[in-house]
């Protein structure tokens, strides 16, 4: 990572970049507890214990992706945290479209997809009123471990060429600021609308939602005012997904 390039374009931002850490989320949490300013970035060339949702790991191969956490001190109530996740997804999608020329899909709540394969993931934690926004973006990987190879992709695989990580990081940090500004100045509704417009999963998609106590099948019907996903089950019941892994349903399944 050419930090001189990044810092030269964002001189006011605190950026800590490591060769290897267990998790950028853990390092960011420590700095946040010490009072670091909002917008502080903690990144790494490699994570040995990168975090995903529900305790899953995030594969963080050295030098091939962007793995970082941004400390955000935003006046956002805890119940609005899901919308922050949606705003971050929009920031990633916008960046990949403008910098890499790639069209993305957003899978509620935190996955950025290219051709139905995951290219980026977002993890948001709240620590003592401070938001820790972790992002993992696959940039130049050409292969993945066997257990995720059918589900993951990278910008290099999607476009057939290598991408510089530094311009991606600079634009993405600016996009995060921009979408958070929309949230703070215009409220939740524009973020919800933009997410629905950018996601094939938000409305009219047959999905399966895996949850701790089983699974829910149905057709998505948009988002609640708090940013949760609505799913209409086969019996007509409208179910609100508060947490869970969303995936496409078997196209041959009769959910209606």
C-alpha atoms as a PDB file:
ATOM      1  CA  UNK A   1       0.000   0.000   0.000  1.00  0.00           C
ATOM      2  CA  UNK A   2       1.378   3.380  -1.062  1.00  0.00           C
ATOM      3  CA  UNK A   3       0.375   5.408   1.976  1.00  0.00           C
ATOM      4  CA  UNK A   4       2.064   8.560   0.643  1.00  0.00           C
ATOM      5  CA  UNK A   5      -0.454   8.532  -2.229  1.00  0.00           C
ATOM      6  CA  UNK A   6      -3.412   8.101   0.128  1.00  0.00           C
ATOM      7  CA  UNK A   7      -2.265  10.582   2.757  1.00  0.00           C
ATOM      8  CA  UNK A   8      -1.359  13.117   0.095  1.00  0.00           C
ATOM      9  CA  UNK A   9      -4.990  13.167  -1.018  1.00  0.00           C
ATOM     10  CA  UNK A  10      -6.477  12.990   2.481  1.00  0.00           C
ATOM     11  CA  UNK A  11      -3.984  14.933   4.633  1.00  0.00           C
ATOM     12  CA  UNK A  12      -6.418  15.586   7.481  1.00  0.00           C
ATOM     13  CA  UNK A  13      -7.319  11.928   8.013  1.00  0.00           C
ATOM     14  CA  UNK A  14      -5.602   9.680  10.534  1.00  0.00           C
ATOM     15  CA  UNK A  15      -4.559   6.472   8.791  1.00  0.00           C
ATOM     16  CA  UNK A  16      -2.886   3.534  10.499  1.00  0.00           C
ATOM     17  CA  UNK A  17      -1.783   0.759   8.157  1.00  0.00           C
ATOM     18  CA  UNK A  18      -0.244  -2.498   9.346  1.00  0.00           C
ATOM     19  CA  UNK A  19       1.594  -5.289   7.595  1.00  0.00           C
ATOM     20  CA  UNK A  20      -0.362  -7.873   9.559  1.00  0.00           C
ATOM     21  CA  UNK A  21      -2.957  -7.762  12.342  1.00  0.00           C
ATOM     22  CA  UNK A  22      -5.412 -10.239  13.761  1.00  0.00           C
ATOM     23  CA  UNK A  23      -8.298  -7.921  12.822  1.00  0.00           C
ATOM     24  CA  UNK A  24      -8.522  -4.251  11.881  1.00  0.00           C
ATOM     25  CA  UNK A  25     -11.767  -4.148  13.864  1.00  0.00           C
ATOM     26  CA  UNK A  26      -9.892  -5.037  17.049  1.00  0.00           C
ATOM     27  CA  UNK A  27      -7.218  -2.398  16.446  1.00  0.00           C
ATOM     28  CA  UNK A  28      -9.822   0.244  15.618  1.00  0.00           C
ATOM     29  CA  UNK A  29     -11.735  -0.571  18.803  1.00  0.00           C
ATOM     30  CA  UNK A  30      -8.592   0.042  20.821  1.00  0.00           C
ATOM     31  CA  UNK A  31      -7.949   3.410  19.156  1.00  0.00           C
ATOM     32  CA  UNK A  32     -11.593   4.411  19.552  1.00  0.00           C
ATOM     33  CA  UNK A  33     -11.401   3.692  23.282  1.00  0.00           C
ATOM     34  CA  UNK A  34      -8.346   5.959  23.421  1.00  0.00           C
ATOM     35  CA  UNK A  35     -10.323   8.789  21.820  1.00  0.00           C
ATOM     36  CA  UNK A  36      -9.140   8.825  18.200  1.00  0.00           C
ATOM     37  CA  UNK A  37     -11.039  11.252  15.933  1.00  0.00           C
ATOM     38  CA  UNK A  38     -13.961  10.314  13.728  1.00  0.00           C
ATOM     39  CA  UNK A  39     -12.807   9.132  10.319  1.00  0.00           C
ATOM     40  CA  UNK A  40      -9.702   7.382  11.647  1.00  0.00           C
ATOM     41  CA  UNK A  41      -8.782   4.438   9.414  1.00  0.00           C
ATOM     42  CA  UNK A  42      -7.117   1.226  10.540  1.00  0.00           C
ATOM     43  CA  UNK A  43      -6.043  -1.007   7.658  1.00  0.00           C
ATOM     44  CA  UNK A  44      -3.771  -3.956   7.054  1.00  0.00           C
ATOM     45  CA  UNK A  45      -2.071  -5.802   4.252  1.00  0.00           C
ATOM     46  CA  UNK A  46      -3.179  -9.003   5.938  1.00  0.00           C
ATOM     47  CA  UNK A  47      -5.607 -10.069   8.659  1.00  0.00           C
ATOM     48  CA  UNK A  48      -4.936 -13.345  10.415  1.00  0.00           C
ATOM     49  CA  UNK A  49      -8.379 -13.420  12.021  1.00  0.00           C
ATOM     50  CA  UNK A  50     -10.546 -11.178   9.845  1.00  0.00           C
ATOM     51  CA  UNK A  51     -14.118 -10.908  11.074  1.00  0.00           C
ATOM     52  CA  UNK A  52     -17.331 -11.522   9.182  1.00  0.00           C
ATOM     53  CA  UNK A  53     -20.930 -11.585  10.355  1.00  0.00           C
ATOM     54  CA  UNK A  54     -22.115 -14.228  12.831  1.00  0.00           C
ATOM     55  CA  UNK A  55     -18.557 -15.024  13.887  1.00  0.00           C
ATOM     56  CA  UNK A  56     -17.469 -16.104  10.425  1.00  0.00           C
ATOM     57  CA  UNK A  57     -13.946 -15.382   9.211  1.00  0.00           C
ATOM     58  CA  UNK A  58     -13.023 -13.115   6.297  1.00  0.00           C
ATOM     59  CA  UNK A  59     -10.236 -14.414   4.072  1.00  0.00           C
ATOM     60  CA  UNK A  60      -7.654 -11.606   3.930  1.00  0.00           C
ATOM     61  CA  UNK A  61      -4.821 -12.601   1.632  1.00  0.00           C
ATOM     62  CA  UNK A  62      -1.752 -10.391   2.010  1.00  0.00           C
ATOM     63  CA  UNK A  63      -1.567  -7.512  -0.451  1.00  0.00           C
ATOM     64  CA  UNK A  64      -4.479  -8.531  -2.646  1.00  0.00           C
ATOM     65  CA  UNK A  65      -7.428  -6.703  -1.088  1.00  0.00           C
ATOM     66  CA  UNK A  66      -8.540  -3.764   1.007  1.00  0.00           C
ATOM     67  CA  UNK A  67      -9.121  -4.677   4.635  1.00  0.00           C
ATOM     68  CA  UNK A  68      -9.851  -1.749   6.919  1.00  0.00           C
ATOM     69  CA  UNK A  69     -12.070  -0.324   9.640  1.00  0.00           C
ATOM     70  CA  UNK A  70     -13.232   3.284   9.919  1.00  0.00           C
ATOM     71  CA  UNK A  71     -14.012   4.828  13.303  1.00  0.00           C
ATOM     72  CA  UNK A  72     -17.208   6.880  12.981  1.00  0.00           C
ATOM     73  CA  UNK A  73     -18.426   9.209  15.701  1.00  0.00           C
ATOM     74  CA  UNK A  74     -21.864   9.920  14.294  1.00  0.00           C
ATOM     75  CA  UNK A  75     -24.930  11.216  16.158  1.00  0.00           C
ATOM     76  CA  UNK A  76     -26.888   8.115  15.152  1.00  0.00           C
ATOM     77  CA  UNK A  77     -29.185   6.272  17.559  1.00  0.00           C
ATOM     78  CA  UNK A  78     -28.376   2.559  18.057  1.00  0.00           C
ATOM     79  CA  UNK A  79     -31.637   1.542  16.399  1.00  0.00           C
ATOM     80  CA  UNK A  80     -30.461   3.257  13.199  1.00  0.00           C
ATOM     81  CA  UNK A  81     -27.300   1.175  12.972  1.00  0.00           C
ATOM     82  CA  UNK A  82     -28.765  -1.104  10.246  1.00  0.00           C
ATOM     83  CA  UNK A  83     -29.148   1.932   7.992  1.00  0.00           C
ATOM     84  CA  UNK A  84     -25.472   2.799   8.492  1.00  0.00           C
ATOM     85  CA  UNK A  85     -24.654  -0.662   7.125  1.00  0.00           C
ATOM     86  CA  UNK A  86     -26.843   0.027   4.083  1.00  0.00           C
ATOM     87  CA  UNK A  87     -25.129   3.393   3.533  1.00  0.00           C
ATOM     88  CA  UNK A  88     -21.720   1.706   3.602  1.00  0.00           C
ATOM     89  CA  UNK A  89     -22.875  -0.814   1.015  1.00  0.00           C
ATOM     90  CA  UNK A  90     -23.952   2.045  -1.229  1.00  0.00           C
ATOM     91  CA  UNK A  91     -20.539   3.673  -0.780  1.00  0.00           C
ATOM     92  CA  UNK A  92     -18.753   0.488  -1.868  1.00  0.00           C
ATOM     93  CA  UNK A  93     -21.060  -0.015  -4.848  1.00  0.00           C
ATOM     94  CA  UNK A  94     -20.643   3.595  -5.955  1.00  0.00           C
ATOM     95  CA  UNK A  95     -16.863   3.319  -5.706  1.00  0.00           C
ATOM     96  CA  UNK A  96     -16.636   0.137  -7.759  1.00  0.00           C
ATOM     97  CA  UNK A  97     -18.882   1.589 -10.441  1.00  0.00           C
ATOM     98  CA  UNK A  98     -16.979   4.852 -10.817  1.00  0.00           C
ATOM     99  CA  UNK A  99     -13.403   3.684 -10.230  1.00  0.00           C
ATOM    100  CA  UNK A 100     -13.456   0.140 -11.624  1.00  0.00           C
ATOM    101  CA  UNK A 101     -16.379   0.364 -14.056  1.00  0.00           C
ATOM    102  CA  UNK A 102     -18.168  -2.536 -12.388  1.00  0.00           C
ATOM    103  CA  UNK A 103     -21.921  -2.810 -11.732  1.00  0.00           C
ATOM    104  CA  UNK A 104     -22.712  -4.296  -8.340  1.00  0.00           C
ATOM    105  CA  UNK A 105     -25.712  -5.770  -6.607  1.00  0.00           C
ATOM    106  CA  UNK A 106     -26.377  -5.299  -2.893  1.00  0.00           C
ATOM    107  CA  UNK A 107     -27.602  -8.250  -0.866  1.00  0.00           C
ATOM    108  CA  UNK A 108     -29.212  -7.212   2.386  1.00  0.00           C
ATOM    109  CA  UNK A 109     -27.743  -6.302   4.743  1.00  0.00           C
ATOM    110  CA  UNK A 110     -24.011  -6.215   4.080  1.00  0.00           C
ATOM    111  CA  UNK A 111     -22.859  -8.025   0.931  1.00  0.00           C
ATOM    112  CA  UNK A 112     -21.650  -6.411  -2.291  1.00  0.00           C
ATOM    113  CA  UNK A 113     -21.982  -8.788  -5.237  1.00  0.00           C
ATOM    114  CA  UNK A 114     -20.625  -8.921  -8.764  1.00  0.00           C
ATOM    115  CA  UNK A 115     -22.402 -11.440 -10.990  1.00  0.00           C
ATOM    116  CA  UNK A 116     -23.986 -13.033  -7.896  1.00  0.00           C
ATOM    117  CA  UNK A 117     -20.613 -13.606  -6.222  1.00  0.00           C
ATOM    118  CA  UNK A 118     -19.440 -11.749  -3.139  1.00  0.00           C
ATOM    119  CA  UNK A 119     -16.781  -9.125  -3.750  1.00  0.00           C
ATOM    120  CA  UNK A 120     -17.048  -7.145  -0.519  1.00  0.00           C
ATOM    121  CA  UNK A 121     -18.497  -7.481   2.943  1.00  0.00           C
ATOM    122  CA  UNK A 122     -19.337  -4.951   5.630  1.00  0.00           C
ATOM    123  CA  UNK A 123     -19.347  -5.390   9.395  1.00  0.00           C
ATOM    124  CA  UNK A 124     -20.657  -2.675  11.715  1.00  0.00           C
ATOM    125  CA  UNK A 125     -20.194  -2.721  15.478  1.00  0.00           C
ATOM    126  CA  UNK A 126     -21.255  -0.178  18.090  1.00  0.00           C
ATOM    127  CA  UNK A 127     -18.782   0.353  20.919  1.00  0.00           C
ATOM    128  CA  UNK A 128     -19.646   2.902  23.600  1.00  0.00           C
ATOM    129  CA  UNK A 129     -21.580   5.072  21.094  1.00  0.00           C
ATOM    130  CA  UNK A 130     -18.748   4.821  18.526  1.00  0.00           C
ATOM    131  CA  UNK A 131     -19.415   3.041  15.226  1.00  0.00           C
ATOM    132  CA  UNK A 132     -16.720   0.692  13.952  1.00  0.00           C
ATOM    133  CA  UNK A 133     -17.270   0.167  10.222  1.00  0.00           C
ATOM    134  CA  UNK A 134     -15.243  -2.726   8.870  1.00  0.00           C
ATOM    135  CA  UNK A 135     -14.924  -3.346   5.129  1.00  0.00           C
ATOM    136  CA  UNK A 136     -13.272  -6.190   3.295  1.00  0.00           C
ATOM    137  CA  UNK A 137     -12.945  -5.732  -0.473  1.00  0.00           C
ATOM    138  CA  UNK A 138     -11.477  -8.361  -2.788  1.00  0.00           C
ATOM    139  CA  UNK A 139      -9.379  -6.480  -5.316  1.00  0.00           C
ATOM    140  CA  UNK A 140      -6.713  -8.548  -7.066  1.00  0.00           C
ATOM    141  CA  UNK A 141      -7.302 -12.104  -5.869  1.00  0.00           C
ATOM    142  CA  UNK A 142      -7.284 -14.663  -8.670  1.00  0.00           C
ATOM    143  CA  UNK A 143      -8.364 -17.628  -6.582  1.00  0.00           C
ATOM    144  CA  UNK A 144     -10.055 -18.427  -3.284  1.00  0.00           C
ATOM    145  CA  UNK A 145     -10.122 -21.383  -0.878  1.00  0.00           C
ATOM    146  CA  UNK A 146     -12.201 -24.299  -2.142  1.00  0.00           C
ATOM    147  CA  UNK A 147     -14.971 -23.802   0.421  1.00  0.00           C
ATOM    148  CA  UNK A 148     -15.795 -20.299  -0.858  1.00  0.00           C
ATOM    149  CA  UNK A 149     -14.514 -20.377  -4.454  1.00  0.00           C
ATOM    150  CA  UNK A 150     -18.014 -20.762  -5.896  1.00  0.00           C
ATOM    151  CA  UNK A 151     -19.341 -17.804  -3.882  1.00  0.00           C
ATOM    152  CA  UNK A 152     -16.504 -15.250  -3.982  1.00  0.00           C
ATOM    153  CA  UNK A 153     -15.018 -13.022  -6.634  1.00  0.00           C
ATOM    154  CA  UNK A 154     -12.698 -10.033  -6.943  1.00  0.00           C
ATOM    155  CA  UNK A 155     -12.384  -6.962  -9.136  1.00  0.00           C
ATOM    156  CA  UNK A 156      -9.559  -8.645 -11.041  1.00  0.00           C
ATOM    157  CA  UNK A 157     -11.641 -11.734 -11.749  1.00  0.00           C
ATOM    158  CA  UNK A 158     -14.650  -9.640 -12.741  1.00  0.00           C
ATOM    159  CA  UNK A 159     -12.775  -7.288 -15.055  1.00  0.00           C
ATOM    160  CA  UNK A 160      -9.817  -9.365 -16.247  1.00  0.00           C
ATOM    161  CA  UNK A 161      -7.268  -6.810 -15.099  1.00  0.00           C
ATOM    162  CA  UNK A 162      -5.356  -5.766 -12.002  1.00  0.00           C
ATOM    163  CA  UNK A 163      -6.498  -2.711 -10.038  1.00  0.00           C
ATOM    164  CA  UNK A 164      -4.557  -0.212  -7.964  1.00  0.00           C
ATOM    165  CA  UNK A 165      -5.787  -0.312  -4.407  1.00  0.00           C
ATOM    166  CA  UNK A 166      -4.861   3.242  -3.441  1.00  0.00           C
ATOM    167  CA  UNK A 167      -7.356   5.118  -5.694  1.00  0.00           C
ATOM    168  CA  UNK A 168     -10.055   2.677  -4.596  1.00  0.00           C
ATOM    169  CA  UNK A 169      -9.343   3.411  -0.936  1.00  0.00           C
ATOM    170  CA  UNK A 170      -9.274   7.187  -1.416  1.00  0.00           C
ATOM    171  CA  UNK A 171     -12.557   7.267  -3.315  1.00  0.00           C
ATOM    172  CA  UNK A 172     -14.217   4.773  -0.983  1.00  0.00           C
ATOM    173  CA  UNK A 173     -13.377   6.786   2.133  1.00  0.00           C
ATOM    174  CA  UNK A 174     -14.818   9.872   0.460  1.00  0.00           C
ATOM    175  CA  UNK A 175     -17.942   7.944  -0.563  1.00  0.00           C
ATOM    176  CA  UNK A 176     -18.422   6.747   3.019  1.00  0.00           C
ATOM    177  CA  UNK A 177     -18.314  10.370   4.168  1.00  0.00           C
ATOM    178  CA  UNK A 178     -20.798  11.394   1.465  1.00  0.00           C
ATOM    179  CA  UNK A 179     -23.397   8.725   2.201  1.00  0.00           C
ATOM    180  CA  UNK A 180     -23.112   9.286   5.939  1.00  0.00           C
ATOM    181  CA  UNK A 181     -23.666  12.986   5.274  1.00  0.00           C
ATOM    182  CA  UNK A 182     -26.875  12.123   3.400  1.00  0.00           C
ATOM    183  CA  UNK A 183     -28.001  10.047   6.378  1.00  0.00           C
ATOM    184  CA  UNK A 184     -27.302  12.855   8.837  1.00  0.00           C
ATOM    185  CA  UNK A 185     -28.701  15.746   6.805  1.00  0.00           C
ATOM    186  CA  UNK A 186     -31.614  14.121   4.946  1.00  0.00           C
ATOM    187  CA  UNK A 187     -32.517  11.228   7.214  1.00  0.00           C
ATOM    188  CA  UNK A 188     -33.047   7.541   6.684  1.00  0.00           C
ATOM    189  CA  UNK A 189     -35.485   7.593   3.773  1.00  0.00           C
ATOM    190  CA  UNK A 190     -33.036   8.557   0.970  1.00  0.00           C
ATOM    191  CA  UNK A 191     -30.647   5.774   2.057  1.00  0.00           C
ATOM    192  CA  UNK A 192     -33.467   3.223   2.099  1.00  0.00           C
ATOM    193  CA  UNK A 193     -34.643   4.321  -1.335  1.00  0.00           C
ATOM    194  CA  UNK A 194     -31.165   4.252  -2.839  1.00  0.00           C
ATOM    195  CA  UNK A 195     -30.535   0.809  -1.385  1.00  0.00           C
ATOM    196  CA  UNK A 196     -33.784  -0.560  -2.809  1.00  0.00           C
ATOM    197  CA  UNK A 197     -32.906   0.930  -6.192  1.00  0.00           C
ATOM    198  CA  UNK A 198     -29.456  -0.684  -6.073  1.00  0.00           C
ATOM    199  CA  UNK A 199     -30.455  -4.130  -4.805  1.00  0.00           C
ATOM    200  CA  UNK A 200     -32.166  -6.946  -6.684  1.00  0.00           C
ATOM    201  CA  UNK A 201     -32.711  -8.589  -3.304  1.00  0.00           C
ATOM    202  CA  UNK A 202     -34.742  -5.808  -1.718  1.00  0.00           C
ATOM    203  CA  UNK A 203     -38.046  -6.309  -3.518  1.00  0.00           C
ATOM    204  CA  UNK A 204     -39.624  -9.093  -5.583  1.00  0.00           C
ATOM    205  CA  UNK A 205     -36.817 -11.623  -5.048  1.00  0.00           C
ATOM    206  CA  UNK A 206     -37.442 -15.194  -3.928  1.00  0.00           C
ATOM    207  CA  UNK A 207     -35.097 -15.811  -1.025  1.00  0.00           C
ATOM    208  CA  UNK A 208     -34.245 -18.141   1.810  1.00  0.00           C
ATOM    209  CA  UNK A 209     -33.233 -16.555   5.103  1.00  0.00           C
ATOM    210  CA  UNK A 210     -31.111 -18.761   7.329  1.00  0.00           C
ATOM    211  CA  UNK A 211     -31.656 -18.083  11.004  1.00  0.00           C
ATOM    212  CA  UNK A 212     -30.533 -19.660  14.263  1.00  0.00           C
ATOM    213  CA  UNK A 213     -33.907 -21.356  14.796  1.00  0.00           C
ATOM    214  CA  UNK A 214     -34.508 -22.453  11.219  1.00  0.00           C
ATOM    215  CA  UNK A 215     -35.121 -20.783   7.906  1.00  0.00           C
ATOM    216  CA  UNK A 216     -37.706 -18.524   6.323  1.00  0.00           C
ATOM    217  CA  UNK A 217     -38.662 -18.659   2.658  1.00  0.00           C
ATOM    218  CA  UNK A 218     -40.580 -16.056   0.735  1.00  0.00           C
ATOM    219  CA  UNK A 219     -40.501 -13.052  -1.572  1.00  0.00           C
ATOM    220  CA  UNK A 220     -38.910  -9.798  -0.477  1.00  0.00           C
ATOM    221  CA  UNK A 221     -41.138  -6.728  -0.121  1.00  0.00           C
ATOM    222  CA  UNK A 222     -38.697  -3.905   0.537  1.00  0.00           C
ATOM    223  CA  UNK A 223     -37.318  -2.455   3.729  1.00  0.00           C
ATOM    224  CA  UNK A 224     -38.874  -1.309   6.968  1.00  0.00           C
ATOM    225  CA  UNK A 225     -38.354   2.319   8.076  1.00  0.00           C
ATOM    226  CA  UNK A 226     -35.545   1.002  10.312  1.00  0.00           C
ATOM    227  CA  UNK A 227     -33.756  -0.712   7.424  1.00  0.00           C
ATOM    228  CA  UNK A 228     -34.778  -4.312   8.030  1.00  0.00           C
ATOM    229  CA  UNK A 229     -35.838  -6.640   5.216  1.00  0.00           C
ATOM    230  CA  UNK A 230     -39.483  -7.635   4.732  1.00  0.00           C
ATOM    231  CA  UNK A 231     -40.283 -11.096   3.371  1.00  0.00           C
ATOM    232  CA  UNK A 232     -43.775 -12.338   2.394  1.00  0.00           C
ATOM    233  CA  UNK A 233     -44.041 -16.026   3.290  1.00  0.00           C
ATOM    234  CA  UNK A 234     -46.063 -18.556   1.278  1.00  0.00           C
ATOM    235  CA  UNK A 235     -48.906 -18.392   3.833  1.00  0.00           C
ATOM    236  CA  UNK A 236     -49.221 -14.639   3.312  1.00  0.00           C
ATOM    237  CA  UNK A 237     -47.526 -13.670   6.571  1.00  0.00           C
ATOM    238  CA  UNK A 238     -45.187 -10.680   6.355  1.00  0.00           C
ATOM    239  CA  UNK A 239     -41.957 -11.509   8.157  1.00  0.00           C
ATOM    240  CA  UNK A 240     -39.354  -8.910   9.175  1.00  0.00           C
ATOM    241  CA  UNK A 241     -35.775 -10.142   8.966  1.00  0.00           C
ATOM    242  CA  UNK A 242     -33.825  -8.637  11.845  1.00  0.00           C
ATOM    243  CA  UNK A 243     -30.747 -10.813  11.265  1.00  0.00           C
ATOM    244  CA  UNK A 244     -29.809 -13.774   9.146  1.00  0.00           C
ATOM    245  CA  UNK A 245     -28.120 -14.833   5.969  1.00  0.00           C
ATOM    246  CA  UNK A 246     -30.154 -14.075   2.839  1.00  0.00           C
ATOM    247  CA  UNK A 247     -29.648 -16.187  -0.278  1.00  0.00           C
ATOM    248  CA  UNK A 248     -31.575 -16.882  -3.474  1.00  0.00           C
ATOM    249  CA  UNK A 249     -34.260 -19.545  -3.221  1.00  0.00           C
ATOM    250  CA  UNK A 250     -34.293 -22.568  -5.479  1.00  0.00           C
ATOM    251  CA  UNK A 251     -35.870 -21.148  -8.650  1.00  0.00           C
ATOM    252  CA  UNK A 252     -37.996 -24.283  -8.961  1.00  0.00           C
ATOM    253  CA  UNK A 253     -39.479 -23.817  -5.483  1.00  0.00           C
ATOM    254  CA  UNK A 254     -43.135 -22.829  -5.364  1.00  0.00           C
ATOM    255  CA  UNK A 255     -43.269 -20.023  -2.803  1.00  0.00           C
ATOM    256  CA  UNK A 256     -46.511 -18.410  -3.945  1.00  0.00           C
END
